[in-house]
C-alpha atoms as a PDB file:
ATOM      1  CA  MET A   1       0.000   0.000   0.000  1.00  0.00           C
ATOM      2  CA  GLN A   2       1.442   3.335  -1.067  1.00  0.00           C
ATOM      3  CA  GLU A   3       1.036   6.711   0.595  1.00  0.00           C
ATOM      4  CA  ASN A   4      -1.344   8.869  -1.460  1.00  0.00           C
ATOM      5  CA  HIS A   5       0.411  12.104  -0.567  1.00  0.00           C
ATOM      6  CA  SER A   6       3.980  13.306  -0.287  1.00  0.00           C
ATOM      7  CA  THR A   7       5.343  13.550   3.243  1.00  0.00           C
ATOM      8  CA  ARG A   8       8.552  14.960   4.642  1.00  0.00           C
ATOM      9  CA  LEU A   9      10.908  12.923   6.771  1.00  0.00           C
ATOM     10  CA  THR A  10       9.986  13.036  10.444  1.00  0.00           C
ATOM     11  CA  ALA A  11      12.648  13.749  13.086  1.00  0.00           C
ATOM     12  CA  SER A  12      13.039  10.009  13.760  1.00  0.00           C
ATOM     13  CA  GLU A  13      13.312   9.169  10.064  1.00  0.00           C
ATOM     14  CA  LEU A  14      15.749  11.997   9.382  1.00  0.00           C
ATOM     15  CA  SER A  15      17.853  10.879  12.336  1.00  0.00           C
ATOM     16  CA  VAL A  16      18.209   7.293  11.147  1.00  0.00           C
ATOM     17  CA  VAL A  17      18.811   8.221   7.495  1.00  0.00           C
ATOM     18  CA  TRP A  18      21.411  10.856   8.414  1.00  0.00           C
ATOM     19  CA  SER A  19      23.164   8.462  10.797  1.00  0.00           C
ATOM     20  CA  SER A  20      23.012   5.703   8.210  1.00  0.00           C
ATOM     21  CA  TYR A  21      24.741   7.954   5.689  1.00  0.00           C
ATOM     22  CA  GLN A  22      27.525   8.684   8.168  1.00  0.00           C
ATOM     23  CA  ASN A  23      27.982   5.104   9.320  1.00  0.00           C
ATOM     24  CA  ASN A  24      27.842   3.530   5.875  1.00  0.00           C
ATOM     25  CA  SER A  25      30.296   6.047   4.418  1.00  0.00           C
ATOM     26  CA  LEU A  26      32.612   4.995   7.265  1.00  0.00           C
ATOM     27  CA  SER A  27      32.030   1.310   6.532  1.00  0.00           C
ATOM     28  CA  VAL A  28      32.765   1.763   2.831  1.00  0.00           C
ATOM     29  CA  CYS A  29      36.182   3.264   3.659  1.00  0.00           C
ATOM     30  CA  ILE A  30      37.069   0.549   6.164  1.00  0.00           C
ATOM     31  CA  LEU A  31      35.868  -2.350   4.028  1.00  0.00           C
ATOM     32  CA  LYS A  32      37.711  -1.084   0.937  1.00  0.00           C
ATOM     33  CA  TYR A  33      40.905  -1.267   2.966  1.00  0.00           C
ATOM     34  CA  PHE A  34      40.041  -4.719   4.335  1.00  0.00           C
ATOM     35  CA  LEU A  35      39.251  -6.000   0.838  1.00  0.00           C
ATOM     36  CA  ALA A  36      42.614  -4.849  -0.497  1.00  0.00           C
ATOM     37  CA  ASN A  37      44.377  -6.736   2.308  1.00  0.00           C
ATOM     38  CA  THR A  38      42.518 -10.052   2.419  1.00  0.00           C
ATOM     39  CA  ASP A  39      44.224 -13.282   1.348  1.00  0.00           C
ATOM     40  CA  ASP A  40      41.713 -16.024   2.193  1.00  0.00           C
ATOM     41  CA  PRO A  41      39.151 -16.320  -0.664  1.00  0.00           C
ATOM     42  CA  ASP A  42      36.309 -17.316   1.698  1.00  0.00           C
ATOM     43  CA  ILE A  43      36.917 -14.298   3.913  1.00  0.00           C
ATOM     44  CA  LYS A  44      37.408 -12.071   0.885  1.00  0.00           C
ATOM     45  CA  SER A  45      33.909 -12.977  -0.340  1.00  0.00           C
ATOM     46  CA  ILE A  46      32.468 -11.944   3.058  1.00  0.00           C
ATOM     47  CA  VAL A  47      34.308  -8.599   3.002  1.00  0.00           C
ATOM     48  CA  ASP A  48      33.170  -8.013  -0.583  1.00  0.00           C
ATOM     49  CA  TYR A  49      29.535  -8.728   0.331  1.00  0.00           C
ATOM     50  CA  ALA A  50      29.741  -6.436   3.379  1.00  0.00           C
ATOM     51  CA  LEU A  51      31.152  -3.672   1.171  1.00  0.00           C
ATOM     52  CA  GLU A  52      28.337  -4.162  -1.355  1.00  0.00           C
ATOM     53  CA  ILE A  53      25.735  -3.784   1.414  1.00  0.00           C
ATOM     54  CA  ALA A  54      27.393  -0.629   2.767  1.00  0.00           C
ATOM     55  CA  GLU A  55      27.520   0.957  -0.701  1.00  0.00           C
ATOM     56  CA  ILE A  56      23.857   0.137  -1.389  1.00  0.00           C
ATOM     57  CA  ASN A  57      22.764   1.536   1.991  1.00  0.00           C
ATOM     58  CA  LEU A  58      24.853   4.664   1.454  1.00  0.00           C
ATOM     59  CA  ASN A  59      23.285   5.333  -1.950  1.00  0.00           C
ATOM     60  CA  ILE A  60      19.734   4.834  -0.639  1.00  0.00           C
ATOM     61  CA  ALA A  61      20.381   7.142   2.322  1.00  0.00           C
ATOM     62  CA  LYS A  62      21.760   9.735  -0.096  1.00  0.00           C
ATOM     63  CA  GLU A  63      18.639   9.456  -2.250  1.00  0.00           C
ATOM     64  CA  LEU A  64      16.280   9.770   0.729  1.00  0.00           C
ATOM     65  CA  LEU A  65      18.066  12.889   1.978  1.00  0.00           C
ATOM     66  CA  SER A  66      18.108  14.423  -1.492  1.00  0.00           C
ATOM     67  CA  ASN A  67      14.397  13.762  -2.040  1.00  0.00           C
ATOM     68  CA  ASP A  68      13.690  15.525   1.258  1.00  0.00           C
ATOM     69  CA  ASN A  69      15.821  18.525   0.215  1.00  0.00           C
ATOM     70  CA  GLN A  70      18.234  17.948   3.076  1.00  0.00           C
ATOM     71  CA  PRO A  71      21.859  19.147   2.874  1.00  0.00           C
ATOM     72  CA  MET A  72      24.126  16.206   2.117  1.00  0.00           C
ATOM     73  CA  PRO A  73      26.371  15.211   5.033  1.00  0.00           C
ATOM     74  CA  VAL A  74      30.126  15.161   4.510  1.00  0.00           C
ATOM     75  CA  GLY A  75      30.601  11.758   6.097  1.00  0.00           C
ATOM     76  CA  PHE A  76      33.772   9.977   4.973  1.00  0.00           C
ATOM     77  CA  LEU A  77      35.376  10.212   1.556  1.00  0.00           C
ATOM     78  CA  ASP A  78      38.190   8.641  -0.422  1.00  0.00           C
ATOM     79  CA  GLU A  79      40.633  10.984   1.298  1.00  0.00           C
ATOM     80  CA  ASP A  80      39.873   9.263   4.622  1.00  0.00           C
ATOM     81  CA  VAL A  81      41.212   5.879   3.523  1.00  0.00           C
ATOM     82  CA  SER A  82      44.339   4.524   1.824  1.00  0.00           C
ATOM     83  CA  PRO A  83      43.367   1.043   0.572  1.00  0.00           C
ATOM     84  CA  ASN A  84      46.924   0.333  -0.538  1.00  0.00           C
ATOM     85  CA  ALA A  85      48.384   0.871   2.943  1.00  0.00           C
ATOM     86  CA  PRO A  86      50.080  -2.266   4.335  1.00  0.00           C
ATOM     87  CA  ARG A  87      48.048  -4.855   6.212  1.00  0.00           C
ATOM     88  CA  LEU A  88      47.288  -3.925   9.822  1.00  0.00           C
ATOM     89  CA  PHE A  89      45.001  -6.796  10.890  1.00  0.00           C
ATOM     90  CA  SER A  90      44.659 -10.539  10.237  1.00  0.00           C
ATOM     91  CA  ASP A  91      42.024 -12.101   7.998  1.00  0.00           C
ATOM     92  CA  ALA A  92      40.384 -13.628  11.100  1.00  0.00           C
ATOM     93  CA  PHE A  93      40.058 -10.139  12.576  1.00  0.00           C
ATOM     94  CA  TYR A  94      38.046  -9.109   9.510  1.00  0.00           C
ATOM     95  CA  LEU A  95      35.549 -11.917  10.157  1.00  0.00           C
ATOM     96  CA  TYR A  96      35.100 -11.022  13.829  1.00  0.00           C
ATOM     97  CA  TYR A  97      34.790  -7.348  12.915  1.00  0.00           C
ATOM     98  CA  ILE A  98      32.112  -7.955  10.260  1.00  0.00           C
ATOM     99  CA  LYS A  99      30.193 -10.318  12.549  1.00  0.00           C
ATOM    100  CA  ASN A 100      30.064  -7.606  15.200  1.00  0.00           C
ATOM    101  CA  MET A 101      29.245  -4.915  12.622  1.00  0.00           C
ATOM    102  CA  SER A 102      26.296  -6.951  11.298  1.00  0.00           C
ATOM    103  CA  LYS A 103      25.067  -7.567  14.866  1.00  0.00           C
ATOM    104  CA  VAL A 104      25.115  -3.821  15.581  1.00  0.00           C
ATOM    105  CA  GLY A 105      23.341  -3.166  12.280  1.00  0.00           C
ATOM    106  CA  LEU A 106      20.534  -5.582  13.177  1.00  0.00           C
ATOM    107  CA  SER A 107      19.974  -3.769  16.463  1.00  0.00           C
ATOM    108  CA  VAL A 108      20.147  -0.227  15.047  1.00  0.00           C
ATOM    109  CA  TYR A 109      17.995  -0.866  11.989  1.00  0.00           C
ATOM    110  CA  GLY A 110      15.463  -2.842  14.044  1.00  0.00           C
ATOM    111  CA  VAL A 111      14.929   0.034  16.487  1.00  0.00           C
ATOM    112  CA  ALA A 112      14.794   2.530  13.624  1.00  0.00           C
ATOM    113  CA  LEU A 113      12.161   0.532  11.744  1.00  0.00           C
ATOM    114  CA  VAL A 114       9.606   0.701  14.552  1.00  0.00           C
ATOM    115  CA  THR A 115      10.016   4.488  14.842  1.00  0.00           C
ATOM    116  CA  SER A 116       9.472   5.156  11.123  1.00  0.00           C
ATOM    117  CA  ALA A 117       6.241   5.731   9.169  1.00  0.00           C
ATOM    118  CA  LYS A 118       7.295   6.749   5.639  1.00  0.00           C
ATOM    119  CA  ASN A 119       7.051   3.864   3.155  1.00  0.00           C
ATOM    120  CA  GLU A 120      10.412   4.523   1.538  1.00  0.00           C
ATOM    121  CA  VAL A 121      12.206   4.626   4.887  1.00  0.00           C
ATOM    122  CA  ARG A 122      10.539   1.469   6.179  1.00  0.00           C
ATOM    123  CA  ARG A 123      11.358  -0.305   2.931  1.00  0.00           C
ATOM    124  CA  TYR A 124      14.977   0.827   3.215  1.00  0.00           C
ATOM    125  CA  LEU A 125      15.272  -0.326   6.829  1.00  0.00           C
ATOM    126  CA  SER A 126      13.576  -3.651   6.095  1.00  0.00           C
ATOM    127  CA  GLN A 127      16.004  -4.319   3.230  1.00  0.00           C
ATOM    128  CA  ALA A 128      18.924  -3.319   5.455  1.00  0.00           C
ATOM    129  CA  LEU A 129      17.751  -5.730   8.157  1.00  0.00           C
ATOM    130  CA  GLN A 130      17.462  -8.553   5.657  1.00  0.00           C
ATOM    131  CA  ALA A 131      20.905  -7.829   4.215  1.00  0.00           C
ATOM    132  CA  ASN A 132      22.485  -7.681   7.684  1.00  0.00           C
ATOM    133  CA  THR A 133      20.814 -10.963   8.628  1.00  0.00           C
ATOM    134  CA  THR A 134      22.290 -12.596   5.539  1.00  0.00           C
ATOM    135  CA  LEU A 135      25.690 -11.056   6.258  1.00  0.00           C
ATOM    136  CA  TYR A 136      25.630 -12.273   9.865  1.00  0.00           C
ATOM    137  CA  ASN A 137      24.715 -15.817   8.788  1.00  0.00           C
ATOM    138  CA  LYS A 138      27.323 -15.924   6.012  1.00  0.00           C
ATOM    139  CA  THR A 139      30.027 -14.647   8.374  1.00  0.00           C
ATOM    140  CA  THR A 140      29.044 -17.097  11.103  1.00  0.00           C
ATOM    141  CA  ASP A 141      29.153 -19.991   8.621  1.00  0.00           C
ATOM    142  CA  VAL A 142      32.709 -19.093   7.603  1.00  0.00           C
ATOM    143  CA  LEU A 143      33.768 -18.673  11.241  1.00  0.00           C
ATOM    144  CA  LEU A 144      32.355 -22.129  12.015  1.00  0.00           C
ATOM    145  CA  GLU A 145      34.000 -23.700   8.963  1.00  0.00           C
ATOM    146  CA  LYS A 146      37.383 -22.313   9.996  1.00  0.00           C
ATOM    147  CA  GLY A 147      36.985 -23.222  13.663  1.00  0.00           C
ATOM    148  CA  LEU A 148      36.989 -19.558  14.725  1.00  0.00           C
ATOM    149  CA  PHE A 149      33.448 -19.125  16.048  1.00  0.00           C
ATOM    150  CA  ILE A 150      33.378 -18.365  19.777  1.00  0.00           C
ATOM    151  CA  ARG A 151      30.560 -20.329  21.403  1.00  0.00           C
ATOM    152  CA  SER A 152      28.990 -19.536  24.747  1.00  0.00           C
ATOM    153  CA  PRO A 153      29.976 -21.999  27.515  1.00  0.00           C
ATOM    154  CA  TYR A 154      28.015 -25.235  27.782  1.00  0.00           C
ATOM    155  CA  VAL A 155      26.267 -25.508  31.167  1.00  0.00           C
ATOM    156  CA  THR A 156      24.417 -28.074  33.250  1.00  0.00           C
ATOM    157  CA  THR A 157      20.905 -26.980  34.243  1.00  0.00           C
ATOM    158  CA  PRO A 158      18.294 -28.393  36.694  1.00  0.00           C
ATOM    159  CA  ASP A 159      15.805 -31.018  35.541  1.00  0.00           C
ATOM    160  CA  THR A 160      12.830 -29.123  36.980  1.00  0.00           C
ATOM    161  CA  VAL A 161      11.267 -25.671  36.589  1.00  0.00           C
ATOM    162  CA  ASP A 162      11.744 -23.378  39.589  1.00  0.00           C
ATOM    163  CA  PHE A 163      10.686 -19.893  40.707  1.00  0.00           C
ATOM    164  CA  VAL A 164      12.572 -17.215  42.592  1.00  0.00           C
ATOM    165  CA  ASP A 165      11.228 -17.312  46.157  1.00  0.00           C
ATOM    166  CA  LYS A 166      13.865 -15.426  48.143  1.00  0.00           C
ATOM    167  CA  LYS A 167      15.481 -12.011  47.703  1.00  0.00           C
ATOM    168  CA  LYS A 168      18.910 -13.537  48.190  1.00  0.00           C
ATOM    169  CA  TYR A 169      18.621 -14.644  44.536  1.00  0.00           C
ATOM    170  CA  LEU A 170      19.340 -11.004  43.673  1.00  0.00           C
ATOM    171  CA  GLY A 171      22.507 -10.978  45.778  1.00  0.00           C
ATOM    172  CA  GLY A 172      24.321  -7.669  46.234  1.00  0.00           C
ATOM    173  CA  LEU A 173      23.331  -5.070  48.815  1.00  0.00           C
ATOM    174  CA  LEU A 174      20.175  -6.882  49.883  1.00  0.00           C
ATOM    175  CA  ASN A 175      22.189  -9.807  51.170  1.00  0.00           C
ATOM    176  CA  LEU A 176      25.436  -8.535  52.630  1.00  0.00           C
ATOM    177  CA  GLY A 177      27.726 -11.348  53.688  1.00  0.00           C
ATOM    178  CA  SER A 178      25.913 -14.017  51.675  1.00  0.00           C
ATOM    179  CA  LYS A 179      27.567 -15.760  48.761  1.00  0.00           C
ATOM    180  CA  ASP A 180      26.286 -14.701  45.351  1.00  0.00           C
ATOM    181  CA  ARG A 181      24.332 -17.407  43.576  1.00  0.00           C
ATOM    182  CA  PRO A 182      25.757 -18.944  40.373  1.00  0.00           C
ATOM    183  CA  LEU A 183      25.199 -17.150  37.094  1.00  0.00           C
ATOM    184  CA  ASN A 184      22.054 -17.886  35.124  1.00  0.00           C
ATOM    185  CA  VAL A 185      22.124 -18.437  31.365  1.00  0.00           C
ATOM    186  CA  ALA A 186      20.891 -14.911  30.511  1.00  0.00           C
ATOM    187  CA  GLU A 187      23.718 -13.373  32.528  1.00  0.00           C
ATOM    188  CA  ILE A 188      26.266 -15.733  30.954  1.00  0.00           C
ATOM    189  CA  THR A 189      25.047 -14.786  27.470  1.00  0.00           C
ATOM    190  CA  HIS A 190      25.644 -11.075  27.967  1.00  0.00           C
ATOM    191  CA  ILE A 191      28.926 -11.494  29.832  1.00  0.00           C
ATOM    192  CA  LYS A 192      30.273 -13.676  27.032  1.00  0.00           C
ATOM    193  CA  ALA A 193      29.178 -11.186  24.383  1.00  0.00           C
ATOM    194  CA  ASN A 194      30.848  -8.302  26.218  1.00  0.00           C
ATOM    195  CA  VAL A 195      34.103 -10.231  26.627  1.00  0.00           C
ATOM    196  CA  GLU A 196      34.118 -10.853  22.885  1.00  0.00           C
ATOM    197  CA  THR A 197      33.314  -7.283  21.823  1.00  0.00           C
ATOM    198  CA  ASN A 198      35.891  -5.821  24.201  1.00  0.00           C
ATOM    199  CA  ALA A 199      38.536  -8.208  22.869  1.00  0.00           C
ATOM    200  CA  LEU A 200      37.715  -7.052  19.341  1.00  0.00           C
ATOM    201  CA  GLY A 201      37.800  -3.410  20.423  1.00  0.00           C
ATOM    202  CA  LYS A 202      41.138  -3.917  22.154  1.00  0.00           C
ATOM    203  CA  ALA A 203      42.678  -5.366  18.973  1.00  0.00           C
ATOM    204  CA  LEU A 204      41.193  -2.613  16.809  1.00  0.00           C
ATOM    205  CA  LEU A 205      42.461   0.165  19.080  1.00  0.00           C
ATOM    206  CA  THR A 206      45.885  -1.474  19.278  1.00  0.00           C
ATOM    207  CA  GLY A 207      46.189  -1.193  15.511  1.00  0.00           C
ATOM    208  CA  LEU A 208      44.685   2.284  15.263  1.00  0.00           C
ATOM    209  CA  ALA A 209      47.064   3.594  17.936  1.00  0.00           C
ATOM    210  CA  GLN A 210      49.993   2.467  15.772  1.00  0.00           C
ATOM    211  CA  VAL A 211      48.858   4.365  12.703  1.00  0.00           C
ATOM    212  CA  ALA A 212      47.228   7.539  14.090  1.00  0.00           C
ATOM    213  CA  LYS A 213      49.121  10.675  13.042  1.00  0.00           C
ATOM    214  CA  SER A 214      48.173  12.894  15.977  1.00  0.00           C
ATOM    215  CA  LYS A 215      49.728  12.203  19.373  1.00  0.00           C
ATOM    216  CA  LYS A 216      46.407  12.996  21.064  1.00  0.00           C
ATOM    217  CA  VAL A 217      44.574  10.490  18.883  1.00  0.00           C
ATOM    218  CA  ARG A 218      47.274   7.858  19.522  1.00  0.00           C
ATOM    219  CA  ASN A 219      47.033   8.376  23.284  1.00  0.00           C
ATOM    220  CA  TYR A 220      43.241   8.296  23.114  1.00  0.00           C
ATOM    221  CA  CYS A 221      43.323   4.925  21.342  1.00  0.00           C
ATOM    222  CA  LEU A 222      45.835   3.574  23.864  1.00  0.00           C
ATOM    223  CA  LYS A 223      43.585   4.659  26.728  1.00  0.00           C
ATOM    224  CA  GLY A 224      40.659   2.893  25.065  1.00  0.00           C
ATOM    225  CA  LYS A 225      42.768  -0.249  24.753  1.00  0.00           C
ATOM    226  CA  GLU A 226      43.493  -0.136  28.501  1.00  0.00           C
ATOM    227  CA  ILE A 227      39.806   0.331  29.309  1.00  0.00           C
ATOM    228  CA  ALA A 228      38.834  -2.605  27.066  1.00  0.00           C
ATOM    229  CA  ASN A 229      41.440  -4.808  28.737  1.00  0.00           C
ATOM    230  CA  LYS A 230      40.144  -3.849  32.190  1.00  0.00           C
ATOM    231  CA  HIS A 231      36.562  -4.637  31.195  1.00  0.00           C
ATOM    232  CA  ILE A 232      37.629  -8.015  29.797  1.00  0.00           C
ATOM    233  CA  GLU A 233      39.185  -8.845  33.167  1.00  0.00           C
ATOM    234  CA  VAL A 234      36.017  -7.834  35.067  1.00  0.00           C
ATOM    235  CA  PHE A 235      33.714  -9.908  32.863  1.00  0.00           C
ATOM    236  CA  SER A 236      36.088 -12.884  32.660  1.00  0.00           C
ATOM    237  CA  ALA A 237      36.319 -12.993  36.461  1.00  0.00           C
ATOM    238  CA  LEU A 238      32.522 -13.338  36.679  1.00  0.00           C
ATOM    239  CA  LEU A 239      32.761 -16.465  34.538  1.00  0.00           C
ATOM    240  CA  THR A 240      35.854 -18.029  36.094  1.00  0.00           C
ATOM    241  CA  ASN A 241      34.411 -17.517  39.612  1.00  0.00           C
ATOM    242  CA  ASP A 242      31.718 -20.007  38.574  1.00  0.00           C
ATOM    243  CA  ASP A 243      34.256 -22.359  36.960  1.00  0.00           C
ATOM    244  CA  LEU A 244      33.173 -21.328  33.476  1.00  0.00           C
ATOM    245  CA  PRO A 245      35.672 -20.683  30.672  1.00  0.00           C
ATOM    246  CA  SER A 246      36.071 -17.128  29.426  1.00  0.00           C
ATOM    247  CA  PRO A 247      35.577 -17.384  25.655  1.00  0.00           C
ATOM    248  CA  MET A 248      38.067 -15.255  23.727  1.00  0.00           C
ATOM    249  CA  PRO A 249      38.476 -14.769  19.982  1.00  0.00           C
ATOM    250  CA  TRP A 250      41.869 -15.866  18.746  1.00  0.00           C
ATOM    251  CA  ASP A 251      44.066 -14.850  15.819  1.00  0.00           C
ATOM    252  CA  LEU A 252      43.210 -11.178  16.363  1.00  0.00           C
ATOM    253  CA  GLU A 253      46.689 -10.421  15.085  1.00  0.00           C
ATOM    254  CA  VAL A 254      47.859  -6.836  14.711  1.00  0.00           C
ATOM    255  CA  THR A 255      50.894  -6.368  12.465  1.00  0.00           C
ATOM    256  CA  ASP A 256      53.801  -3.973  13.071  1.00  0.00           C
ATOM    257  CA  SER A 257      52.719  -1.534  10.333  1.00  0.00           C
ATOM    258  CA  THR A 258      52.744   2.163  11.241  1.00  0.00           C
ATOM    259  CA  ILE A 259      51.553   3.455   7.860  1.00  0.00           C
ATOM    260  CA  PRO A 260      48.065   4.999   8.278  1.00  0.00           C
ATOM    261  CA  PRO A 261      45.247   3.386   6.265  1.00  0.00           C
ATOM    262  CA  PHE A 262      42.724   5.786   7.819  1.00  0.00           C
ATOM    263  CA  SER A 263      42.526   9.495   8.615  1.00  0.00           C
ATOM    264  CA  ASP A 264      42.562  10.563  12.265  1.00  0.00           C
ATOM    265  CA  LYS A 265      39.038  11.907  11.754  1.00  0.00           C
ATOM    266  CA  LEU A 266      37.842   8.430  10.739  1.00  0.00           C
ATOM    267  CA  ILE A 267      39.695   6.827  13.658  1.00  0.00           C
ATOM    268  CA  MET A 268      38.033   9.121  16.184  1.00  0.00           C
ATOM    269  CA  PHE A 269      34.545   8.717  14.703  1.00  0.00           C
ATOM    270  CA  HIS A 270      34.950   4.947  14.589  1.00  0.00           C
ATOM    271  CA  THR A 271      36.073   4.876  18.207  1.00  0.00           C
ATOM    272  CA  SER A 272      33.032   6.934  19.216  1.00  0.00           C
ATOM    273  CA  LEU A 273      30.769   4.376  17.511  1.00  0.00           C
ATOM    274  CA  LEU A 274      32.454   1.558  19.427  1.00  0.00           C
ATOM    275  CA  ILE A 275      31.883   3.344  22.724  1.00  0.00           C
ATOM    276  CA  ALA A 276      28.227   4.108  21.926  1.00  0.00           C
ATOM    277  CA  SER A 277      27.661   0.452  21.031  1.00  0.00           C
ATOM    278  CA  SER A 278      29.380  -0.672  24.234  1.00  0.00           C
ATOM    279  CA  ILE A 279      27.263   1.606  26.452  1.00  0.00           C
ATOM    280  CA  SER A 280      24.120   0.297  24.741  1.00  0.00           C
ATOM    281  CA  ASN A 281      25.269  -3.308  25.235  1.00  0.00           C
ATOM    282  CA  TYR A 282      25.930  -2.693  28.926  1.00  0.00           C
ATOM    283  CA  ALA A 283      22.491  -1.137  29.440  1.00  0.00           C
ATOM    284  CA  THR A 284      20.802  -4.137  27.811  1.00  0.00           C
ATOM    285  CA  ALA A 285      22.943  -6.580  29.785  1.00  0.00           C
ATOM    286  CA  SER A 286      22.258  -4.793  33.070  1.00  0.00           C
ATOM    287  CA  ALA A 287      18.499  -4.966  32.461  1.00  0.00           C
ATOM    288  CA  ALA A 288      18.766  -8.712  31.756  1.00  0.00           C
ATOM    289  CA  SER A 289      20.864  -9.455  34.867  1.00  0.00           C
ATOM    290  CA  LEU A 290      19.155 -10.132  38.193  1.00  0.00           C
ATOM    291  CA  ARG A 291      22.269 -10.274  40.357  1.00  0.00           C
ATOM    292  CA  GLN A 292      22.824  -6.796  41.763  1.00  0.00           C
ATOM    293  CA  ASP A 293      26.617  -7.071  41.809  1.00  0.00           C
ATOM    294  CA  ILE A 294      26.566  -7.664  38.045  1.00  0.00           C
ATOM    295  CA  GLN A 295      24.193  -4.739  37.541  1.00  0.00           C
ATOM    296  CA  ALA A 296      26.572  -2.561  39.554  1.00  0.00           C
ATOM    297  CA  ASP A 297      29.501  -3.655  37.362  1.00  0.00           C
ATOM    298  CA  TYR A 298      27.644  -2.692  34.197  1.00  0.00           C
ATOM    299  CA  VAL A 299      26.640   0.723  35.591  1.00  0.00           C
ATOM    300  CA  ARG A 300      30.206   1.447  36.748  1.00  0.00           C
ATOM    301  CA  LEU A 301      31.818   0.338  33.482  1.00  0.00           C
ATOM    302  CA  ALA A 302      29.236   2.198  31.369  1.00  0.00           C
ATOM    303  CA  ALA A 303      30.028   5.378  33.307  1.00  0.00           C
ATOM    304  CA  GLU A 304      33.718   4.874  32.567  1.00  0.00           C
ATOM    305  CA  ASN A 305      32.911   4.480  28.876  1.00  0.00           C
ATOM    306  CA  ALA A 306      30.755   7.615  28.944  1.00  0.00           C
ATOM    307  CA  GLN A 307      33.614   9.648  30.419  1.00  0.00           C
ATOM    308  CA  TYR A 308      35.971   8.241  27.775  1.00  0.00           C
ATOM    309  CA  ALA A 309      33.431   9.168  25.082  1.00  0.00           C
ATOM    310  CA  ASN A 310      33.305  12.767  26.334  1.00  0.00           C
ATOM    311  CA  GLU A 311      37.084  13.019  26.028  1.00  0.00           C
ATOM    312  CA  GLY A 312      36.793  11.844  22.434  1.00  0.00           C
ATOM    313  CA  VAL A 313      34.121  14.433  21.654  1.00  0.00           C
ATOM    314  CA  ASP A 314      36.467  17.158  22.924  1.00  0.00           C
ATOM    315  CA  ILE A 315      39.194  15.978  20.532  1.00  0.00           C
ATOM    316  CA  MET A 316      36.789  15.894  17.575  1.00  0.00           C
ATOM    317  CA  ILE A 317      35.382  19.354  18.335  1.00  0.00           C
ATOM    318  CA  LYS A 318      38.849  20.921  18.634  1.00  0.00           C
ATOM    319  CA  ASN A 319      39.802  19.443  15.245  1.00  0.00           C
ATOM    320  CA  GLN A 320      36.416  20.266  13.618  1.00  0.00           C
ATOM    321  CA  TRP A 321      35.789  16.579  12.909  1.00  0.00           C
ATOM    322  CA  LEU A 322      32.393  16.302  14.606  1.00  0.00           C
ATOM    323  CA  GLU A 323      29.640  16.813  12.051  1.00  0.00           C
ATOM    324  CA  GLN A 324      26.502  18.302  13.573  1.00  0.00           C
ATOM    325  CA  PRO A 325      23.290  16.276  13.136  1.00  0.00           C
ATOM    326  CA  PRO A 326      20.195  18.081  11.802  1.00  0.00           C
ATOM    327  CA  GLN A 327      18.463  20.093  14.500  1.00  0.00           C
ATOM    328  CA  ILE A 328      15.458  22.368  14.900  1.00  0.00           C
ATOM    329  CA  PRO A 329      15.807  26.185  14.855  1.00  0.00           C
ATOM    330  CA  ASP A 330      16.509  28.003  18.119  1.00  0.00           C
ATOM    331  CA  HIS A 331      13.191  29.860  18.265  1.00  0.00           C
ATOM    332  CA  LYS A 332      14.071  31.710  21.476  1.00  0.00           C
ATOM    333  CA  LYS A 333      17.235  33.092  19.911  1.00  0.00           C
ATOM    334  CA  LEU A 334      15.398  34.028  16.711  1.00  0.00           C
ATOM    335  CA  ALA A 335      12.780  35.930  18.729  1.00  0.00           C
ATOM    336  CA  LYS A 336      15.525  38.038  20.333  1.00  0.00           C
ATOM    337  CA  ASP A 337      17.316  38.907  17.073  1.00  0.00           C
END
């Protein structure tokens, strides 16, 4: 069913299309570099497919903005990437990176879809969701075939259904001095996912710190690496305290190259996306965790990430790298002029 009248983009629709333009222009730059430095033909086909999706999404976002008479964002251009720069990461890293990228895409596009009304936008988001689902499945298949997929721990569970009947199940402040109960499967799921994403972020920031031109950007990436390592230790301890293995991706090799494949502007924007994704993951994980000590960990670590994000915003503002999203007029200021 088609709309029988022309409508402008709403604030929600404009937000997702504008952000999609930014994020997909970033992805195109990164994936072009990955594609030029991939040896394994199976992994190369995944990178090529991911690049195709990013280019399609970028072009559709551009068309939607143009049809709404919106100014075209700058985003990221050819000058922000050097595809012929030497290899910085392993082929296995590319698979883990794309798996995580597709997972983030499924979450972002899913939320955006249910806040959109315009047919063209909903069609775009639905196609993006389908493409990201296919990308996730293709990437997972290759990870499994190569023995690289990181599974959640196997666990033994009770034979009967039970209900929470005592507050000590929640642990934490309500039960000082009592031993925390073992982890449940929902808590294990999120802890495992956050170990994996932090390990990926640590490897990415290790490489980016080597190739950043600005000393401030290099130091910022190094600080992010330290934070990721700390968070890995916190989450891993929750698992090992219950005699569960801490699943870690392997072969996240970072080479010794110091030749920049990306601009410092791209590095900072990419890092800000990682932090935003991490804070969102922690919020979701905290809501799914019933043990109060785990909730407290997520709140504390999310606050640390938020402070780190603010430091990154300062760097981007000082270098005029932070592109301003569309916003409404300042009517109070206009009334005074």
